[in-house]
Full PDB file with SEQRES, HELIX, SHEET, SSBOND, CRYST1, ORIGX, SCALE, CONECT and MASTER records, all heavy atoms in Angstrom:
SEQRES   1 A   32  ILE LYS HIS ASN LYS VAL LEU HIS GLU ARG VAL VAL VAL          
SEQRES   2 A   32  LEU THR VAL LEU ILE GLU GLU VAL PRO TYR VAL PRO GLU          
SEQRES   3 A   32  ILE LYS ARG VAL ALA VAL                                      
HELIX    1 AA1 GLU A   26  LYS A   28  5                                   3    
CRYST1    1.000    1.000    1.000  90.00  90.00  90.00 P 1           1          
ORIGX1      1.000000  0.000000  0.000000        0.00000                         
ORIGX2      0.000000  1.000000  0.000000        0.00000                         
ORIGX3      0.000000  0.000000  1.000000        0.00000                         
SCALE1      1.000000  0.000000  0.000000        0.00000                         
SCALE2      0.000000  1.000000  0.000000        0.00000                         
SCALE3      0.000000  0.000000  1.000000        0.00000                         
ATOM      1  N   ILE A   1     117.776 115.780  81.981  1.00  0.00           N  
ATOM      2  CA  ILE A   1     117.694 117.105  81.432  1.00  0.00           C  
ATOM      3  C   ILE A   1     118.348 117.219  79.985  1.00  0.00           C  
ATOM      4  O   ILE A   1     118.068 118.067  79.169  1.00  0.00           O  
ATOM      5  CB  ILE A   1     118.274 118.130  82.440  1.00  0.00           C  
ATOM      6  CG1 ILE A   1     117.824 119.579  82.172  1.00  0.00           C  
ATOM      7  CG2 ILE A   1     119.869 118.038  82.535  1.00  0.00           C  
ATOM      8  CD1 ILE A   1     118.191 120.570  83.233  1.00  0.00           C  
ATOM      9  N   LYS A   2     119.324 116.272  79.874  1.00  0.00           N  
ATOM     10  CA  LYS A   2     120.092 116.261  78.589  1.00  0.00           C  
ATOM     11  C   LYS A   2     119.146 115.931  77.381  1.00  0.00           C  
ATOM     12  O   LYS A   2     119.058 116.381  76.341  1.00  0.00           O  
ATOM     13  CB  LYS A   2     121.226 115.450  78.631  1.00  0.00           C  
ATOM     14  CG  LYS A   2     122.033 115.276  77.332  1.00  0.00           C  
ATOM     15  CD  LYS A   2     123.186 114.324  77.445  1.00  0.00           C  
ATOM     16  CE  LYS A   2     123.956 113.993  76.174  1.00  0.00           C  
ATOM     17  NZ  LYS A   2     124.993 113.049  76.349  1.00  0.00           N  
ATOM     18  N   HIS A   3     118.283 114.762  77.673  1.00  0.00           N  
ATOM     19  CA  HIS A   3     117.479 114.206  76.621  1.00  0.00           C  
ATOM     20  C   HIS A   3     116.058 114.832  76.681  1.00  0.00           C  
ATOM     21  O   HIS A   3     115.433 114.939  75.602  1.00  0.00           O  
ATOM     22  CB  HIS A   3     117.448 112.639  76.795  1.00  0.00           C  
ATOM     23  CG  HIS A   3     118.830 112.080  76.604  1.00  0.00           C  
ATOM     24  ND1 HIS A   3     119.288 111.970  75.337  1.00  0.00           N  
ATOM     25  CD2 HIS A   3     119.630 111.479  77.559  1.00  0.00           C  
ATOM     26  CE1 HIS A   3     120.618 111.360  75.523  1.00  0.00           C  
ATOM     27  NE2 HIS A   3     120.758 110.980  76.745  1.00  0.00           N  
ATOM     28  N   ASN A   4     115.469 115.024  77.831  1.00  0.00           N  
ATOM     29  CA  ASN A   4     114.097 115.471  77.870  1.00  0.00           C  
ATOM     30  C   ASN A   4     113.988 116.997  78.044  1.00  0.00           C  
ATOM     31  O   ASN A   4     112.950 117.538  77.763  1.00  0.00           O  
ATOM     32  CB  ASN A   4     113.423 114.863  79.084  1.00  0.00           C  
ATOM     33  CG  ASN A   4     113.370 113.273  78.923  1.00  0.00           C  
ATOM     34  OD1 ASN A   4     113.197 112.687  77.810  1.00  0.00           O  
ATOM     35  ND2 ASN A   4     113.517 112.497  80.063  1.00  0.00           N  
ATOM     36  N   LYS A   5     114.986 117.646  78.518  1.00  0.00           N  
ATOM     37  CA  LYS A   5     114.955 119.126  78.625  1.00  0.00           C  
ATOM     38  C   LYS A   5     113.911 119.626  79.510  1.00  0.00           C  
ATOM     39  O   LYS A   5     113.396 120.663  79.236  1.00  0.00           O  
ATOM     40  CB  LYS A   5     115.158 119.738  77.214  1.00  0.00           C  
ATOM     41  CG  LYS A   5     116.314 119.390  76.511  1.00  0.00           C  
ATOM     42  CD  LYS A   5     116.374 120.057  75.105  1.00  0.00           C  
ATOM     43  CE  LYS A   5     117.600 119.769  74.406  1.00  0.00           C  
ATOM     44  NZ  LYS A   5     117.961 118.403  74.259  1.00  0.00           N  
ATOM     45  N   VAL A   6     113.488 118.738  80.557  1.00  0.00           N  
ATOM     46  CA  VAL A   6     112.395 119.289  81.403  1.00  0.00           C  
ATOM     47  C   VAL A   6     112.823 118.973  82.923  1.00  0.00           C  
ATOM     48  O   VAL A   6     113.603 118.147  83.052  1.00  0.00           O  
ATOM     49  CB  VAL A   6     111.066 118.707  81.131  1.00  0.00           C  
ATOM     50  CG1 VAL A   6     110.554 119.122  79.700  1.00  0.00           C  
ATOM     51  CG2 VAL A   6     111.114 117.129  81.286  1.00  0.00           C  
ATOM     52  N   LEU A   7     112.263 119.790  83.748  1.00  0.00           N  
ATOM     53  CA  LEU A   7     112.411 119.541  85.164  1.00  0.00           C  
ATOM     54  C   LEU A   7     111.064 119.553  85.866  1.00  0.00           C  
ATOM     55  O   LEU A   7     110.234 120.466  85.467  1.00  0.00           O  
ATOM     56  CB  LEU A   7     113.273 120.555  85.882  1.00  0.00           C  
ATOM     57  CG  LEU A   7     114.875 120.499  85.705  1.00  0.00           C  
ATOM     58  CD1 LEU A   7     115.544 121.659  86.260  1.00  0.00           C  
ATOM     59  CD2 LEU A   7     115.375 119.196  86.282  1.00  0.00           C  
ATOM     60  N   HIS A   8     110.817 118.729  86.837  1.00  0.00           N  
ATOM     61  CA  HIS A   8     109.568 118.784  87.642  1.00  0.00           C  
ATOM     62  C   HIS A   8     109.542 120.011  88.570  1.00  0.00           C  
ATOM     63  O   HIS A   8     110.600 120.599  88.883  1.00  0.00           O  
ATOM     64  CB  HIS A   8     109.422 117.468  88.391  1.00  0.00           C  
ATOM     65  CG  HIS A   8     108.958 116.245  87.573  1.00  0.00           C  
ATOM     66  ND1 HIS A   8     109.920 115.656  86.749  1.00  0.00           N  
ATOM     67  CD2 HIS A   8     107.910 115.599  87.424  1.00  0.00           C  
ATOM     68  CE1 HIS A   8     109.322 114.669  86.139  1.00  0.00           C  
ATOM     69  NE2 HIS A   8     107.979 114.611  86.485  1.00  0.00           N  
ATOM     70  N   GLU A   9     108.374 120.338  88.963  1.00  0.00           N  
ATOM     71  CA  GLU A   9     108.316 121.479  89.882  1.00  0.00           C  
ATOM     72  C   GLU A   9     109.057 121.284  91.147  1.00  0.00           C  
ATOM     73  O   GLU A   9     109.661 122.221  91.791  1.00  0.00           O  
ATOM     74  CB  GLU A   9     106.786 121.797  90.335  1.00  0.00           C  
ATOM     75  CG  GLU A   9     106.041 122.416  89.131  1.00  0.00           C  
ATOM     76  CD  GLU A   9     104.570 122.523  89.474  1.00  0.00           C  
ATOM     77  OE1 GLU A   9     104.015 121.866  90.379  1.00  0.00           O  
ATOM     78  OE2 GLU A   9     103.897 123.381  88.808  1.00  0.00           O  
ATOM     79  N   ARG A  10     109.059 120.050  91.712  1.00  0.00           N  
ATOM     80  CA  ARG A  10     109.856 119.649  92.799  1.00  0.00           C  
ATOM     81  C   ARG A  10     110.691 118.580  92.444  1.00  0.00           C  
ATOM     82  O   ARG A  10     110.321 117.519  91.971  1.00  0.00           O  
ATOM     83  CB  ARG A  10     108.859 119.243  93.997  1.00  0.00           C  
ATOM     84  CG  ARG A  10     109.734 118.903  95.280  1.00  0.00           C  
ATOM     85  CD  ARG A  10     108.826 118.756  96.446  1.00  0.00           C  
ATOM     86  NE  ARG A  10     107.798 117.691  96.310  1.00  0.00           N  
ATOM     87  CZ  ARG A  10     106.975 117.212  97.337  1.00  0.00           C  
ATOM     88  NH1 ARG A  10     107.149 117.812  98.492  1.00  0.00           N  
ATOM     89  NH2 ARG A  10     106.189 116.302  96.977  1.00  0.00           N  
ATOM     90  N   VAL A  11     112.124 118.853  92.738  1.00  0.00           N  
ATOM     91  CA  VAL A  11     113.041 117.828  92.381  1.00  0.00           C  
ATOM     92  C   VAL A  11     113.782 117.485  93.695  1.00  0.00           C  
ATOM     93  O   VAL A  11     114.347 118.327  94.316  1.00  0.00           O  
ATOM     94  CB  VAL A  11     114.088 118.375  91.430  1.00  0.00           C  
ATOM     95  CG1 VAL A  11     115.234 117.347  91.157  1.00  0.00           C  
ATOM     96  CG2 VAL A  11     113.521 118.841  90.141  1.00  0.00           C  
ATOM     97  N   VAL A  12     113.817 116.133  93.979  1.00  0.00           N  
ATOM     98  CA  VAL A  12     114.352 115.671  95.232  1.00  0.00           C  
ATOM     99  C   VAL A  12     115.486 114.759  94.886  1.00  0.00           C  
ATOM    100  O   VAL A  12     115.332 113.755  94.102  1.00  0.00           O  
ATOM    101  CB  VAL A  12     113.327 114.782  95.965  1.00  0.00           C  
ATOM    102  CG1 VAL A  12     113.974 114.135  97.208  1.00  0.00           C  
ATOM    103  CG2 VAL A  12     112.142 115.736  96.569  1.00  0.00           C  
ATOM    104  N   VAL A  13     116.678 114.988  95.409  1.00  0.00           N  
ATOM    105  CA  VAL A  13     117.816 114.091  95.240  1.00  0.00           C  
ATOM    106  C   VAL A  13     117.781 113.131  96.582  1.00  0.00           C  
ATOM    107  O   VAL A  13     118.058 113.823  97.551  1.00  0.00           O  
ATOM    108  CB  VAL A  13     119.166 114.838  95.140  1.00  0.00           C  
ATOM    109  CG1 VAL A  13     120.298 113.910  94.924  1.00  0.00           C  
ATOM    110  CG2 VAL A  13     119.036 115.582  93.758  1.00  0.00           C  
ATOM    111  N   LEU A  14     117.582 112.026  96.448  1.00  0.00           N  
ATOM    112  CA  LEU A  14     117.402 111.048  97.673  1.00  0.00           C  
ATOM    113  C   LEU A  14     118.613 110.124  97.748  1.00  0.00           C  
ATOM    114  O   LEU A  14     118.937 109.412  96.718  1.00  0.00           O  
ATOM    115  CB  LEU A  14     116.103 110.296  97.372  1.00  0.00           C  
ATOM    116  CG  LEU A  14     115.827 109.268  98.446  1.00  0.00           C  
ATOM    117  CD1 LEU A  14     115.706 109.813  99.881  1.00  0.00           C  
ATOM    118  CD2 LEU A  14     114.545 108.488  98.038  1.00  0.00           C  
ATOM    119  N   THR A  15     119.158 110.106  98.868  1.00  0.00           N  
ATOM    120  CA  THR A  15     120.221 109.174  99.158  1.00  0.00           C  
ATOM    121  C   THR A  15     119.806 108.306 100.400  1.00  0.00           C  
ATOM    122  O   THR A  15     119.274 108.763 101.429  1.00  0.00           O  
ATOM    123  CB  THR A  15     121.529 109.875  99.627  1.00  0.00           C  
ATOM    124  OG1 THR A  15     122.018 110.707  98.541  1.00  0.00           O  
ATOM    125  CG2 THR A  15     122.606 109.075  99.979  1.00  0.00           C  
ATOM    126  N   VAL A  16     119.859 107.023 100.268  1.00  0.00           N  
ATOM    127  CA  VAL A  16     119.646 106.015 101.336  1.00  0.00           C  
ATOM    128  C   VAL A  16     120.943 105.493 101.970  1.00  0.00           C  
ATOM    129  O   VAL A  16     121.873 105.123 101.237  1.00  0.00           O  
ATOM    130  CB  VAL A  16     118.849 104.856 100.805  1.00  0.00           C  
ATOM    131  CG1 VAL A  16     118.650 103.764 101.884  1.00  0.00           C  
ATOM    132  CG2 VAL A  16     117.491 105.274 100.157  1.00  0.00           C  
ATOM    133  N   LEU A  17     121.037 105.800 103.170  1.00  0.00           N  
ATOM    134  CA  LEU A  17     122.136 105.315 103.862  1.00  0.00           C  
ATOM    135  C   LEU A  17     121.938 104.237 104.887  1.00  0.00           C  
ATOM    136  O   LEU A  17     120.930 104.284 105.580  1.00  0.00           O  
ATOM    137  CB  LEU A  17     122.851 106.525 104.624  1.00  0.00           C  
ATOM    138  CG  LEU A  17     123.311 107.744 103.875  1.00  0.00           C  
ATOM    139  CD1 LEU A  17     123.957 108.772 104.799  1.00  0.00           C  
ATOM    140  CD2 LEU A  17     124.473 107.307 102.934  1.00  0.00           C  
ATOM    141  N   ILE A  18     122.786 103.198 104.923  1.00  0.00           N  
ATOM    142  CA  ILE A  18     122.593 102.117 105.839  1.00  0.00           C  
ATOM    143  C   ILE A  18     123.688 102.391 106.996  1.00  0.00           C  
ATOM    144  O   ILE A  18     124.831 102.377 106.696  1.00  0.00           O  
ATOM    145  CB  ILE A  18     122.928 100.719 105.252  1.00  0.00           C  
ATOM    146  CG1 ILE A  18     121.924 100.537 104.047  1.00  0.00           C  
ATOM    147  CG2 ILE A  18     122.609  99.712 106.391  1.00  0.00           C  
ATOM    148  CD1 ILE A  18     120.471 100.724 104.421  1.00  0.00           C  
ATOM    149  N   GLU A  19     123.148 102.550 108.204  1.00  0.00           N  
ATOM    150  CA  GLU A  19     124.105 102.851 109.331  1.00  0.00           C  
ATOM    151  C   GLU A  19     124.477 101.579 109.907  1.00  0.00           C  
ATOM    152  O   GLU A  19     123.982 100.434 109.682  1.00  0.00           O  
ATOM    153  CB  GLU A  19     123.272 103.673 110.271  1.00  0.00           C  
ATOM    154  CG  GLU A  19     122.770 104.980 109.874  1.00  0.00           C  
ATOM    155  CD  GLU A  19     123.851 105.971 109.456  1.00  0.00           C  
ATOM    156  OE1 GLU A  19     125.038 105.668 109.671  1.00  0.00           O  
ATOM    157  OE2 GLU A  19     123.514 106.980 108.833  1.00  0.00           O  
ATOM    158  N   GLU A  20     125.615 101.594 110.700  1.00  0.00           N  
ATOM    159  CA  GLU A  20     126.248 100.540 111.263  1.00  0.00           C  
ATOM    160  C   GLU A  20     125.559 100.166 112.776  1.00  0.00           C  
ATOM    161  O   GLU A  20     126.243  99.814 113.579  1.00  0.00           O  
ATOM    162  CB  GLU A  20     127.729 100.754 111.454  1.00  0.00           C  
ATOM    163  CG  GLU A  20     128.327 100.583 109.937  1.00  0.00           C  
ATOM    164  CD  GLU A  20     129.876 100.952 109.984  1.00  0.00           C  
ATOM    165  OE1 GLU A  20     130.413 101.519 110.935  1.00  0.00           O  
ATOM    166  OE2 GLU A  20     130.514 100.502 109.054  1.00  0.00           O  
ATOM    167  N   VAL A  21     124.329 100.373 112.700  1.00  0.00           N  
ATOM    168  CA  VAL A  21     123.435  99.962 113.879  1.00  0.00           C  
ATOM    169  C   VAL A  21     122.214  99.033 113.263  1.00  0.00           C  
ATOM    170  O   VAL A  21     121.839  99.335 112.140  1.00  0.00           O  
ATOM    171  CB  VAL A  21     123.030 101.131 114.677  1.00  0.00           C  
ATOM    172  CG1 VAL A  21     123.987 101.775 115.306  1.00  0.00           C  
ATOM    173  CG2 VAL A  21     122.200 102.141 113.786  1.00  0.00           C  
ATOM    174  N   PRO A  22     121.788  98.131 114.121  1.00  0.00           N  
ATOM    175  CA  PRO A  22     120.638  97.431 113.596  1.00  0.00           C  
ATOM    176  C   PRO A  22     119.342  98.177 113.197  1.00  0.00           C  
ATOM    177  O   PRO A  22     118.691  97.835 112.241  1.00  0.00           O  
ATOM    178  CB  PRO A  22     120.444  96.347 114.596  1.00  0.00           C  
ATOM    179  CG  PRO A  22     121.103  96.814 115.786  1.00  0.00           C  
ATOM    180  CD  PRO A  22     122.095  97.722 115.413  1.00  0.00           C  
ATOM    181  N   TYR A  23     119.179  99.132 113.999  1.00  0.00           N  
ATOM    182  CA  TYR A  23     117.800  99.987 113.840  1.00  0.00           C  
ATOM    183  C   TYR A  23     118.139 101.416 114.106  1.00  0.00           C  
ATOM    184  O   TYR A  23     118.863 101.851 114.998  1.00  0.00           O  
ATOM    185  CB  TYR A  23     116.735  99.594 114.901  1.00  0.00           C  
ATOM    186  CG  TYR A  23     116.301  98.101 114.608  1.00  0.00           C  
ATOM    187  CD1 TYR A  23     116.911  97.133 115.410  1.00  0.00           C  
ATOM    188  CD2 TYR A  23     115.305  97.830 113.706  1.00  0.00           C  
ATOM    189  CE1 TYR A  23     116.694  95.781 115.172  1.00  0.00           C  
ATOM    190  CE2 TYR A  23     114.968  96.465 113.530  1.00  0.00           C  
ATOM    191  CZ  TYR A  23     115.555  95.451 114.278  1.00  0.00           C  
ATOM    192  OH  TYR A  23     115.251  94.095 113.960  1.00  0.00           O  
ATOM    193  N   VAL A  24     117.607 102.340 113.291  1.00  0.00           N  
ATOM    194  CA  VAL A  24     117.724 103.814 113.361  1.00  0.00           C  
ATOM    195  C   VAL A  24     116.534 104.297 114.061  1.00  0.00           C  
ATOM    196  O   VAL A  24     115.482 104.025 113.714  1.00  0.00           O  
ATOM    197  CB  VAL A  24     118.031 104.424 112.027  1.00  0.00           C  
ATOM    198  CG1 VAL A  24     117.912 105.967 112.295  1.00  0.00           C  
ATOM    199  CG2 VAL A  24     119.309 103.985 111.516  1.00  0.00           C  
ATOM    200  N   PRO A  25     116.761 105.277 115.117  1.00  0.00           N  
ATOM    201  CA  PRO A  25     115.626 105.803 115.755  1.00  0.00           C  
ATOM    202  C   PRO A  25     114.774 106.583 114.747  1.00  0.00           C  
ATOM    203  O   PRO A  25     115.299 107.146 113.842  1.00  0.00           O  
ATOM    204  CB  PRO A  25     116.252 106.616 116.868  1.00  0.00           C  
ATOM    205  CG  PRO A  25     117.527 106.223 117.047  1.00  0.00           C  
ATOM    206  CD  PRO A  25     117.991 105.550 115.741  1.00  0.00           C  
ATOM    207  N   GLU A  26     113.464 106.620 114.976  1.00  0.00           N  
ATOM    208  CA  GLU A  26     112.532 107.242 114.107  1.00  0.00           C  
ATOM    209  C   GLU A  26     112.816 108.695 113.907  1.00  0.00           C  
ATOM    210  O   GLU A  26     112.740 109.391 112.874  1.00  0.00           O  
ATOM    211  CB  GLU A  26     111.028 107.102 114.551  1.00  0.00           C  
ATOM    212  CG  GLU A  26     110.673 105.760 114.683  1.00  0.00           C  
ATOM    213  CD  GLU A  26     110.611 105.018 113.393  1.00  0.00           C  
ATOM    214  OE1 GLU A  26     110.517 105.630 112.327  1.00  0.00           O  
ATOM    215  OE2 GLU A  26     110.603 103.676 113.288  1.00  0.00           O  
ATOM    216  N   ILE A  27     113.283 109.336 114.946  1.00  0.00           N  
ATOM    217  CA  ILE A  27     113.570 110.758 114.920  1.00  0.00           C  
ATOM    218  C   ILE A  27     114.754 111.143 114.050  1.00  0.00           C  
ATOM    219  O   ILE A  27     115.014 112.293 113.604  1.00  0.00           O  
ATOM    220  CB  ILE A  27     113.815 111.380 116.439  1.00  0.00           C  
ATOM    221  CG1 ILE A  27     113.649 112.951 116.354  1.00  0.00           C  
ATOM    222  CG2 ILE A  27     115.115 110.865 117.006  1.00  0.00           C  
ATOM    223  CD1 ILE A  27     113.622 113.492 117.842  1.00  0.00           C  
ATOM    224  N   LYS A  28     115.600 110.152 113.759  1.00  0.00           N  
ATOM    225  CA  LYS A  28     116.867 110.394 113.001  1.00  0.00           C  
ATOM    226  C   LYS A  28     116.694 109.629 111.615  1.00  0.00           C  
ATOM    227  O   LYS A  28     117.639 109.505 110.824  1.00  0.00           O  
ATOM    228  CB  LYS A  28     118.070 109.775 113.723  1.00  0.00           C  
ATOM    229  CG  LYS A  28     118.316 110.558 114.924  1.00  0.00           C  
ATOM    230  CD  LYS A  28     119.766 110.129 115.524  1.00  0.00           C  
ATOM    231  CE  LYS A  28     119.968 111.015 116.780  1.00  0.00           C  
ATOM    232  NZ  LYS A  28     121.352 110.746 117.311  1.00  0.00           N  
ATOM    233  N   ARG A  29     115.478 109.338 111.220  1.00  0.00           N  
ATOM    234  CA  ARG A  29     115.217 108.489 109.997  1.00  0.00           C  
ATOM    235  C   ARG A  29     115.518 109.326 108.818  1.00  0.00           C  
ATOM    236  O   ARG A  29     116.192 108.990 107.842  1.00  0.00           O  
ATOM    237  CB  ARG A  29     113.787 107.996 110.057  1.00  0.00           C  
ATOM    238  CG  ARG A  29     113.426 107.369 108.588  1.00  0.00           C  
ATOM    239  CD  ARG A  29     113.958 105.963 108.574  1.00  0.00           C  
ATOM    240  NE  ARG A  29     113.241 105.081 109.514  1.00  0.00           N  
ATOM    241  CZ  ARG A  29     113.878 103.976 110.087  1.00  0.00           C  
ATOM    242  NH1 ARG A  29     115.073 103.675 109.771  1.00  0.00           N  
ATOM    243  NH2 ARG A  29     113.229 103.110 110.897  1.00  0.00           N  
ATOM    244  N   VAL A  30     115.042 110.615 108.920  1.00  0.00           N  
ATOM    245  CA  VAL A  30     114.937 111.395 107.597  1.00  0.00           C  
ATOM    246  C   VAL A  30     115.550 112.854 107.911  1.00  0.00           C  
ATOM    247  O   VAL A  30     115.262 113.531 108.918  1.00  0.00           O  
ATOM    248  CB  VAL A  30     113.534 111.689 107.100  1.00  0.00           C  
ATOM    249  CG1 VAL A  30     113.520 112.522 105.800  1.00  0.00           C  
ATOM    250  CG2 VAL A  30     112.774 110.478 106.895  1.00  0.00           C  
ATOM    251  N   ALA A  31     116.468 113.303 106.914  1.00  0.00           N  
ATOM    252  CA  ALA A  31     117.041 114.655 106.972  1.00  0.00           C  
ATOM    253  C   ALA A  31     116.778 115.225 105.764  1.00  0.00           C  
ATOM    254  O   ALA A  31     117.068 114.783 104.679  1.00  0.00           O  
ATOM    255  CB  ALA A  31     118.579 114.500 107.334  1.00  0.00           C  
ATOM    256  N   VAL A  32     116.274 116.510 105.792  1.00  0.00           N  
ATOM    257  CA  VAL A  32     115.769 117.342 104.587  1.00  0.00           C  
ATOM    258  C   VAL A  32     116.642 118.574 104.562  1.00  0.00           C  
ATOM    259  O   VAL A  32     116.767 119.364 105.484  1.00  0.00           O  
ATOM    260  CB  VAL A  32     114.367 117.568 104.583  1.00  0.00           C  
ATOM    261  CG1 VAL A  32     113.951 118.451 103.346  1.00  0.00           C  
ATOM    262  CG2 VAL A  32     113.561 116.361 104.762  1.00  0.00           C  
TER     263      VAL A  32                                                      
MASTER        0    0    0    1    0    0    0    6  262    1    0    3          
END                                                                             
């Protein structure tokens, strides 16, 4: 935004977390 001074219609801030279990259940994969 400092250099281009534009924003998309939808802006998503995405964080990837690695849990201390080997596999995460599908139902807990994504939080919005």
